[in-house]
C-alpha atoms as a PDB file:
ATOM      1  CA  MET A   1      78.082 128.797  35.884  1.00  0.00           C
ATOM      2  CA  PRO A   2      75.649 126.816  34.763  1.00  0.00           C
ATOM      3  CA  GLU A   3      75.689 124.906  31.616  1.00  0.00           C
ATOM      4  CA  ASP A   4      73.678 125.296  28.862  1.00  0.00           C
ATOM      5  CA  VAL A   5      71.723 122.373  27.493  1.00  0.00           C
ATOM      6  CA  TRP A   6      69.468 122.102  24.886  1.00  0.00           C
ATOM      7  CA  THR A   7      67.681 118.751  24.202  1.00  0.00           C
ATOM      8  CA  PRO A   8      65.123 117.087  20.955  1.00  0.00           C
ATOM      9  CA  VAL A   9      61.394 115.929  23.433  1.00  0.00           C
ATOM     10  CA  GLY A  10      58.751 115.175  20.613  1.00  0.00           C
ATOM     11  CA  LEU A  11      55.520 116.489  22.280  1.00  0.00           C
ATOM     12  CA  ARG A  12      51.609 115.216  21.940  1.00  0.00           C
ATOM     13  CA  SER A  13      50.778 117.358  19.518  1.00  0.00           C
ATOM     14  CA  GLY A  14      53.719 115.652  17.672  1.00  0.00           C
ATOM     15  CA  ARG A  15      56.084 118.549  16.950  1.00  0.00           C
ATOM     16  CA  THR A  16      59.602 118.511  17.988  1.00  0.00           C
ATOM     17  CA  VAL A  17      61.189 120.931  20.320  1.00  0.00           C
ATOM     18  CA  ARG A  18      64.982 121.669  21.531  1.00  0.00           C
ATOM     19  CA  VAL A  19      64.075 122.174  25.292  1.00  0.00           C
ATOM     20  CA  HIS A  20      66.544 124.678  26.949  1.00  0.00           C
ATOM     21  CA  HIS A  21      67.843 123.611  30.424  1.00  0.00           C
ATOM     22  CA  SER A  22      70.887 125.292  32.847  1.00  0.00           C
ATOM     23  CA  GLU A  23      72.385 122.711  34.532  1.00  0.00           C
ATOM     24  CA  ALA A  24      75.229 122.542  37.933  1.00  0.00           C
ATOM     25  CA  GLY A  25      76.561 119.813  39.937  1.00  0.00           C
ATOM     26  CA  THR A  26      77.316 116.375  39.938  1.00  0.00           C
ATOM     27  CA  GLY A  27      75.923 113.072  42.107  1.00  0.00           C
ATOM     28  CA  GLY A  28      73.077 112.387  43.755  1.00  0.00           C
ATOM     29  CA  ARG A  29      69.699 111.828  42.441  1.00  0.00           C
ATOM     30  CA  PRO A  30      69.263 115.033  40.297  1.00  0.00           C
ATOM     31  CA  ILE A  31      67.030 117.471  41.538  1.00  0.00           C
ATOM     32  CA  VAL A  32      64.952 119.119  38.544  1.00  0.00           C
ATOM     33  CA  LEU A  33      63.885 122.722  38.972  1.00  0.00           C
ATOM     34  CA  VAL A  34      60.150 123.440  37.787  1.00  0.00           C
ATOM     35  CA  HIS A  35      59.631 127.140  36.980  1.00  0.00           C
ATOM     36  CA  GLY A  36      56.193 129.128  37.407  1.00  0.00           C
ATOM     37  CA  LEU A  37      54.355 130.992  35.431  1.00  0.00           C
ATOM     38  CA  GLY A  38      55.302 133.476  32.690  1.00  0.00           C
ATOM     39  CA  MET A  39      59.325 132.893  34.039  1.00  0.00           C
ATOM     40  CA  SER A  40      61.603 130.486  32.677  1.00  0.00           C
ATOM     41  CA  GLY A  41      65.141 128.891  34.799  1.00  0.00           C
ATOM     42  CA  ARG A  42      66.331 132.236  34.337  1.00  0.00           C
ATOM     43  CA  SER A  43      64.761 131.943  37.311  1.00  0.00           C
ATOM     44  CA  MET A  44      65.373 129.229  39.271  1.00  0.00           C
ATOM     45  CA  VAL A  45      69.876 130.638  38.606  1.00  0.00           C
ATOM     46  CA  PRO A  46      70.723 131.727  42.687  1.00  0.00           C
ATOM     47  CA  ALA A  47      69.129 127.955  43.956  1.00  0.00           C
ATOM     48  CA  LEU A  48      70.400 125.975  40.695  1.00  0.00           C
ATOM     49  CA  GLN A  49      74.078 127.048  41.957  1.00  0.00           C
ATOM     50  CA  VAL A  50      73.852 126.903  45.125  1.00  0.00           C
ATOM     51  CA  LEU A  51      71.892 123.307  45.465  1.00  0.00           C
ATOM     52  CA  GLY A  52      74.775 122.128  42.348  1.00  0.00           C
ATOM     53  CA  ARG A  53      77.039 122.380  44.858  1.00  0.00           C
ATOM     54  CA  GLU A  54      75.632 119.368  46.552  1.00  0.00           C
ATOM     55  CA  ARG A  55      73.641 117.556  43.935  1.00  0.00           C
ATOM     56  CA  ARG A  56      73.466 118.008  39.849  1.00  0.00           C
ATOM     57  CA  THR A  57      70.523 119.966  39.437  1.00  0.00           C
ATOM     58  CA  LEU A  58      68.695 121.068  36.396  1.00  0.00           C
ATOM     59  CA  ALA A  59      66.437 123.834  35.499  1.00  0.00           C
ATOM     60  CA  PRO A  60      64.796 123.572  32.138  1.00  0.00           C
ATOM     61  CA  ASP A  61      62.408 125.835  29.949  1.00  0.00           C
ATOM     62  CA  LEU A  62      59.244 124.650  29.314  1.00  0.00           C
ATOM     63  CA  PRO A  63      58.308 124.323  25.655  1.00  0.00           C
ATOM     64  CA  GLY A  64      56.635 128.419  25.111  1.00  0.00           C
ATOM     65  CA  TYR A  65      58.730 129.679  27.899  1.00  0.00           C
ATOM     66  CA  GLY A  66      62.393 131.090  28.215  1.00  0.00           C
ATOM     67  CA  ARG A  67      64.290 129.898  25.189  1.00  0.00           C
ATOM     68  CA  THR A  68      62.087 127.108  24.121  1.00  0.00           C
ATOM     69  CA  ARG A  69      60.182 127.877  21.392  1.00  0.00           C
ATOM     70  CA  GLY A  70      56.112 126.981  21.757  1.00  0.00           C
ATOM     71  CA  GLY A  71      54.886 123.546  20.165  1.00  0.00           C
ATOM     72  CA  GLY A  72      51.850 125.521  18.932  1.00  0.00           C
ATOM     73  CA  ARG A  73      48.624 126.459  21.108  1.00  0.00           C
ATOM     74  CA  PRO A  74      49.797 127.167  24.514  1.00  0.00           C
ATOM     75  CA  LEU A  75      49.991 124.801  27.356  1.00  0.00           C
ATOM     76  CA  GLY A  76      47.898 123.711  30.148  1.00  0.00           C
ATOM     77  CA  ILE A  77      49.074 122.353  33.729  1.00  0.00           C
ATOM     78  CA  PRO A  78      48.512 118.872  31.778  1.00  0.00           C
ATOM     79  CA  GLY A  79      50.268 119.617  28.364  1.00  0.00           C
ATOM     80  CA  LEU A  80      53.053 120.914  30.660  1.00  0.00           C
ATOM     81  CA  ALA A  81      52.790 118.191  32.752  1.00  0.00           C
ATOM     82  CA  ASP A  82      52.974 115.726  29.893  1.00  0.00           C
ATOM     83  CA  ALA A  83      56.128 118.011  28.337  1.00  0.00           C
ATOM     84  CA  LEU A  84      58.162 117.420  31.386  1.00  0.00           C
ATOM     85  CA  VAL A  85      57.709 114.240  31.880  1.00  0.00           C
ATOM     86  CA  ARG A  86      58.954 113.814  28.019  1.00  0.00           C
ATOM     87  CA  TRP A  87      61.737 115.577  28.382  1.00  0.00           C
ATOM     88  CA  LEU A  88      62.840 113.578  31.023  1.00  0.00           C
ATOM     89  CA  ASP A  89      62.153 111.053  29.083  1.00  0.00           C
ATOM     90  CA  ALA A  90      64.557 112.804  26.300  1.00  0.00           C
ATOM     91  CA  ALA A  91      67.345 113.510  28.971  1.00  0.00           C
ATOM     92  CA  GLY A  92      67.752 110.172  29.943  1.00  0.00           C
ATOM     93  CA  LEU A  93      66.482 111.401  33.961  1.00  0.00           C
ATOM     94  CA  ASP A  94      64.490 108.036  35.311  1.00  0.00           C
ATOM     95  CA  GLU A  95      64.418 109.251  38.975  1.00  0.00           C
ATOM     96  CA  VAL A  96      64.379 112.489  40.180  1.00  0.00           C
ATOM     97  CA  ASP A  97      63.546 114.884  43.623  1.00  0.00           C
ATOM     98  CA  LEU A  98      60.734 117.134  41.603  1.00  0.00           C
ATOM     99  CA  VAL A  99      60.561 120.595  42.811  1.00  0.00           C
ATOM    100  CA  GLY A 100      57.891 123.247  41.438  1.00  0.00           C
ATOM    101  CA  HIS A 101      57.628 127.105  42.112  1.00  0.00           C
ATOM    102  CA  SER A 102      54.191 128.957  41.953  1.00  0.00           C
ATOM    103  CA  MET A 103      52.586 127.403  38.756  1.00  0.00           C
ATOM    104  CA  GLY A 104      55.414 125.007  38.493  1.00  0.00           C
ATOM    105  CA  ALA A 105      53.869 123.169  41.698  1.00  0.00           C
ATOM    106  CA  GLN A 106      50.680 122.713  39.698  1.00  0.00           C
ATOM    107  CA  VAL A 107      53.035 121.149  36.467  1.00  0.00           C
ATOM    108  CA  ALA A 108      55.566 119.097  39.125  1.00  0.00           C
ATOM    109  CA  ALA A 109      52.468 117.380  41.014  1.00  0.00           C
ATOM    110  CA  ALA A 110      50.916 117.221  37.849  1.00  0.00           C
ATOM    111  CA  ALA A 111      53.818 115.377  36.028  1.00  0.00           C
ATOM    112  CA  VAL A 112      54.351 112.822  39.430  1.00  0.00           C
ATOM    113  CA  LEU A 113      50.530 111.907  38.932  1.00  0.00           C
ATOM    114  CA  ARG A 114      51.103 111.332  35.118  1.00  0.00           C
ATOM    115  CA  ALA A 115      54.468 109.442  35.787  1.00  0.00           C
ATOM    116  CA  PRO A 116      53.942 107.461  39.476  1.00  0.00           C
ATOM    117  CA  GLY A 117      57.334 106.032  40.663  1.00  0.00           C
ATOM    118  CA  ARG A 118      59.558 108.652  38.918  1.00  0.00           C
ATOM    119  CA  ALA A 119      60.204 111.512  41.966  1.00  0.00           C
ATOM    120  CA  GLY A 120      61.460 109.945  44.784  1.00  0.00           C
ATOM    121  CA  HIS A 121      60.994 113.377  46.541  1.00  0.00           C
ATOM    122  CA  LEU A 122      58.185 116.512  45.435  1.00  0.00           C
ATOM    123  CA  VAL A 123      58.843 119.821  46.895  1.00  0.00           C
ATOM    124  CA  LEU A 124      55.767 122.330  46.036  1.00  0.00           C
ATOM    125  CA  VAL A 125      57.243 125.956  46.758  1.00  0.00           C
ATOM    126  CA  GLY A 126      54.712 128.719  47.141  1.00  0.00           C
ATOM    127  CA  PRO A 127      51.781 126.747  44.906  1.00  0.00           C
ATOM    128  CA  THR A 128      49.404 128.524  43.284  1.00  0.00           C
ATOM    129  CA  ARG A 129      45.520 128.625  42.907  1.00  0.00           C
ATOM    130  CA  ASP A 130      44.373 129.433  46.466  1.00  0.00           C
ATOM    131  CA  PRO A 131      40.661 129.277  46.490  1.00  0.00           C
ATOM    132  CA  ALA A 132      41.347 133.286  48.479  1.00  0.00           C
ATOM    133  CA  ALA A 133      41.789 134.529  45.057  1.00  0.00           C
ATOM    134  CA  ARG A 134      40.215 132.770  42.564  1.00  0.00           C
ATOM    135  CA  THR A 135      40.225 134.665  39.660  1.00  0.00           C
ATOM    136  CA  TRP A 136      43.220 135.988  37.719  1.00  0.00           C
ATOM    137  CA  VAL A 137      43.034 139.407  38.333  1.00  0.00           C
ATOM    138  CA  GLY A 138      42.605 138.741  42.056  1.00  0.00           C
ATOM    139  CA  GLN A 139      46.155 136.273  41.872  1.00  0.00           C
ATOM    140  CA  ALA A 140      48.035 138.570  39.817  1.00  0.00           C
ATOM    141  CA  TRP A 141      46.958 141.677  41.987  1.00  0.00           C
ATOM    142  CA  ARG A 142      49.242 139.290  44.851  1.00  0.00           C
ATOM    143  CA  LEU A 143      51.552 139.432  42.790  1.00  0.00           C
ATOM    144  CA  LEU A 144      52.063 143.131  42.761  1.00  0.00           C
ATOM    145  CA  VAL A 145      51.845 142.879  45.923  1.00  0.00           C
ATOM    146  CA  ASP A 146      55.286 140.849  46.854  1.00  0.00           C
ATOM    147  CA  ALA A 147      57.033 142.218  43.714  1.00  0.00           C
ATOM    148  CA  PRO A 148      58.783 144.731  46.246  1.00  0.00           C
ATOM    149  CA  ARG A 149      58.928 141.942  48.794  1.00  0.00           C
ATOM    150  CA  GLU A 150      62.019 140.453  46.210  1.00  0.00           C
ATOM    151  CA  ARG A 151      65.628 141.007  45.791  1.00  0.00           C
ATOM    152  CA  PRO A 152      65.360 143.950  43.377  1.00  0.00           C
ATOM    153  CA  ALA A 153      67.771 141.576  40.788  1.00  0.00           C
ATOM    154  CA  LEU A 154      64.464 139.557  40.067  1.00  0.00           C
ATOM    155  CA  ILE A 155      62.778 141.957  38.458  1.00  0.00           C
ATOM    156  CA  PRO A 156      64.534 142.205  34.817  1.00  0.00           C
ATOM    157  CA  VAL A 157      64.557 138.587  34.989  1.00  0.00           C
ATOM    158  CA  ALA A 158      60.445 138.696  35.461  1.00  0.00           C
ATOM    159  CA  VAL A 159      60.314 141.147  32.486  1.00  0.00           C
ATOM    160  CA  ARG A 160      62.291 140.172  30.071  1.00  0.00           C
ATOM    161  CA  ASP A 161      60.970 136.411  30.720  1.00  0.00           C
ATOM    162  CA  TYR A 162      57.190 138.394  30.720  1.00  0.00           C
ATOM    163  CA  LEU A 163      57.569 139.872  27.523  1.00  0.00           C
ATOM    164  CA  ARG A 164      58.386 136.896  25.850  1.00  0.00           C
ATOM    165  CA  ALA A 165      55.867 134.323  26.704  1.00  0.00           C
ATOM    166  CA  GLY A 166      53.770 137.070  25.840  1.00  0.00           C
ATOM    167  CA  PRO A 167      51.010 139.175  28.064  1.00  0.00           C
ATOM    168  CA  LEU A 168      48.040 137.017  26.736  1.00  0.00           C
ATOM    169  CA  THR A 169      49.007 133.657  26.799  1.00  0.00           C
ATOM    170  CA  MET A 170      50.373 134.111  30.423  1.00  0.00           C
ATOM    171  CA  VAL A 171      46.042 135.392  31.416  1.00  0.00           C
ATOM    172  CA  ALA A 172      45.130 132.212  28.791  1.00  0.00           C
ATOM    173  CA  VAL A 173      47.745 129.780  31.144  1.00  0.00           C
ATOM    174  CA  LEU A 174      46.594 131.334  34.716  1.00  0.00           C
ATOM    175  CA  ARG A 175      42.795 131.092  33.585  1.00  0.00           C
ATOM    176  CA  HIS A 176      43.515 127.684  32.575  1.00  0.00           C
ATOM    177  CA  ALA A 177      44.593 126.841  35.676  1.00  0.00           C
ATOM    178  CA  LEU A 178      42.874 128.014  38.342  1.00  0.00           C
ATOM    179  CA  ARG A 179      39.769 126.642  36.771  1.00  0.00           C
ATOM    180  CA  ARG A 180      41.882 123.286  38.212  1.00  0.00           C
ATOM    181  CA  PRO A 181      41.160 122.091  40.863  1.00  0.00           C
ATOM    182  CA  GLU A 182      44.288 120.625  41.555  1.00  0.00           C
ATOM    183  CA  GLU A 183      44.415 119.917  45.683  1.00  0.00           C
ATOM    184  CA  GLN A 184      41.236 117.405  44.638  1.00  0.00           C
ATOM    185  CA  ALA A 185      43.515 115.386  43.035  1.00  0.00           C
ATOM    186  CA  MET A 186      45.990 115.496  46.128  1.00  0.00           C
ATOM    187  CA  GLY A 187      44.948 112.448  47.792  1.00  0.00           C
ATOM    188  CA  GLY A 188      47.144 110.608  44.891  1.00  0.00           C
ATOM    189  CA  VAL A 189      50.588 111.978  45.338  1.00  0.00           C
ATOM    190  CA  ASP A 190      51.647 109.258  47.068  1.00  0.00           C
ATOM    191  CA  VAL A 191      54.919 110.411  47.405  1.00  0.00           C
ATOM    192  CA  PRO A 192      57.051 112.145  50.449  1.00  0.00           C
ATOM    193  CA  THR A 193      56.033 116.278  49.343  1.00  0.00           C
ATOM    194  CA  LEU A 194      57.297 118.906  51.322  1.00  0.00           C
ATOM    195  CA  VAL A 195      54.821 121.960  50.252  1.00  0.00           C
ATOM    196  CA  LEU A 196      57.259 125.254  51.436  1.00  0.00           C
ATOM    197  CA  ARG A 197      56.486 129.009  51.629  1.00  0.00           C
ATOM    198  CA  GLY A 198      57.348 132.555  52.324  1.00  0.00           C
ATOM    199  CA  SER A 199      56.230 133.562  56.061  1.00  0.00           C
ATOM    200  CA  ARG A 200      55.685 136.993  53.168  1.00  0.00           C
ATOM    201  CA  ASP A 201      54.724 135.080  50.331  1.00  0.00           C
ATOM    202  CA  PRO A 202      51.284 136.816  49.639  1.00  0.00           C
ATOM    203  CA  VAL A 203      50.182 134.190  46.727  1.00  0.00           C
ATOM    204  CA  ALA A 204      50.772 131.104  48.631  1.00  0.00           C
ATOM    205  CA  GLY A 205      49.066 131.698  52.402  1.00  0.00           C
ATOM    206  CA  GLN A 206      49.457 130.142  55.221  1.00  0.00           C
ATOM    207  CA  ARG A 207      45.768 128.025  55.258  1.00  0.00           C
ATOM    208  CA  TRP A 208      45.749 127.218  51.638  1.00  0.00           C
ATOM    209  CA  CYS A 209      49.424 125.615  52.446  1.00  0.00           C
ATOM    210  CA  GLU A 210      47.911 124.248  55.520  1.00  0.00           C
ATOM    211  CA  ASP A 211      44.987 122.852  53.578  1.00  0.00           C
ATOM    212  CA  LEU A 212      47.076 121.212  50.800  1.00  0.00           C
ATOM    213  CA  VAL A 213      48.918 119.195  53.659  1.00  0.00           C
ATOM    214  CA  ARG A 214      46.215 117.450  55.034  1.00  0.00           C
ATOM    215  CA  ARG A 215      45.701 116.212  51.721  1.00  0.00           C
ATOM    216  CA  LEU A 216      48.324 115.000  50.583  1.00  0.00           C
ATOM    217  CA  PRO A 217      49.833 111.217  51.559  1.00  0.00           C
ATOM    218  CA  GLN A 218      53.304 112.037  52.823  1.00  0.00           C
ATOM    219  CA  GLY A 219      52.861 115.624  52.929  1.00  0.00           C
ATOM    220  CA  ARG A 220      54.491 118.415  55.394  1.00  0.00           C
ATOM    221  CA  LEU A 221      54.947 122.606  55.347  1.00  0.00           C
ATOM    222  CA  GLN A 222      57.892 123.957  56.368  1.00  0.00           C
ATOM    223  CA  VAL A 223      57.915 127.712  55.977  1.00  0.00           C
ATOM    224  CA  VAL A 224      61.163 130.014  55.401  1.00  0.00           C
ATOM    225  CA  PRO A 225      61.217 133.041  58.093  1.00  0.00           C
ATOM    226  CA  GLY A 226      60.577 136.613  56.201  1.00  0.00           C
ATOM    227  CA  ALA A 227      61.365 135.066  52.245  1.00  0.00           C
ATOM    228  CA  PRO A 228      58.699 136.170  49.820  1.00  0.00           C
ATOM    229  CA  HIS A 229      56.554 134.564  46.908  1.00  0.00           C
ATOM    230  CA  GLY A 230      59.713 134.134  44.764  1.00  0.00           C
ATOM    231  CA  LEU A 231      61.753 132.481  47.542  1.00  0.00           C
ATOM    232  CA  VAL A 232      64.077 130.559  44.781  1.00  0.00           C
ATOM    233  CA  PHE A 233      65.777 133.856  44.083  1.00  0.00           C
ATOM    234  CA  SER A 234      65.216 136.239  46.532  1.00  0.00           C
ATOM    235  CA  ALA A 235      66.218 133.368  49.274  1.00  0.00           C
ATOM    236  CA  PRO A 236      68.219 130.172  47.408  1.00  0.00           C
ATOM    237  CA  GLU A 237      70.012 129.738  50.775  1.00  0.00           C
ATOM    238  CA  ALA A 238      67.130 129.214  52.826  1.00  0.00           C
ATOM    239  CA  PHE A 239      65.459 127.323  50.061  1.00  0.00           C
ATOM    240  CA  ALA A 240      68.504 124.952  48.821  1.00  0.00           C
ATOM    241  CA  ARG A 241      68.481 123.876  52.779  1.00  0.00           C
ATOM    242  CA  ALA A 242      65.002 123.251  53.225  1.00  0.00           C
ATOM    243  CA  VAL A 243      65.204 120.987  49.655  1.00  0.00           C
ATOM    244  CA  LEU A 244      68.344 119.254  50.337  1.00  0.00           C
ATOM    245  CA  GLY A 245      67.016 118.689  54.039  1.00  0.00           C
ATOM    246  CA  PHE A 246      63.718 117.214  52.886  1.00  0.00           C
ATOM    247  CA  CYS A 247      64.952 115.673  49.824  1.00  0.00           C
ATOM    248  CA  ARG A 248      68.074 113.241  52.053  1.00  0.00           C
END
């Protein structure tokens, strides 16, 4: 079973929060899994358990999500990226392979820009902000379309995490994320980067992922056949094979 760890982290606001993370495995450069909007590290546990067979793997709950309390007002992408880097510092993680899922991909990419040299590899899994769905309503609709494609066990995890985060917070953060043209900054993400999507992912479309790869200096695309948006939970073995193969 994954180990539960709490680390005090001082945020830019001046507040200190105890950031919770789950951890499994030993050895190698640590892999850090960054959850998506409204979710927590609980959504990463199936992948964490598989990755932990070969590498030390950690899945934090960012401030305001899961078992980590918020640090005041809800944090947007820059605030979450800053909190992630500060947690890496507090946890003594000097160099990691960084994996972000859904909106967590935006957070992970922003963290790489904020702290160059910190990530050996970057994996963007089902990255959000597909311009084909420019509003939070459009994004929410895509998530609803995706829901029946996921493992049924993901639904209670998502419901619990969404209720804990709060729908108003989720909408506010999603609106903020949609206003940030992250793809314009991808030219500065100069680390080996894998854009990973499931072939049945309605949230991160194929054309959008191909566009991201073209903008990344060291980008490549991999598609997991038959997998939905939440492949970290619904297809953890295939997800882990892709991540480990790339991060070697």
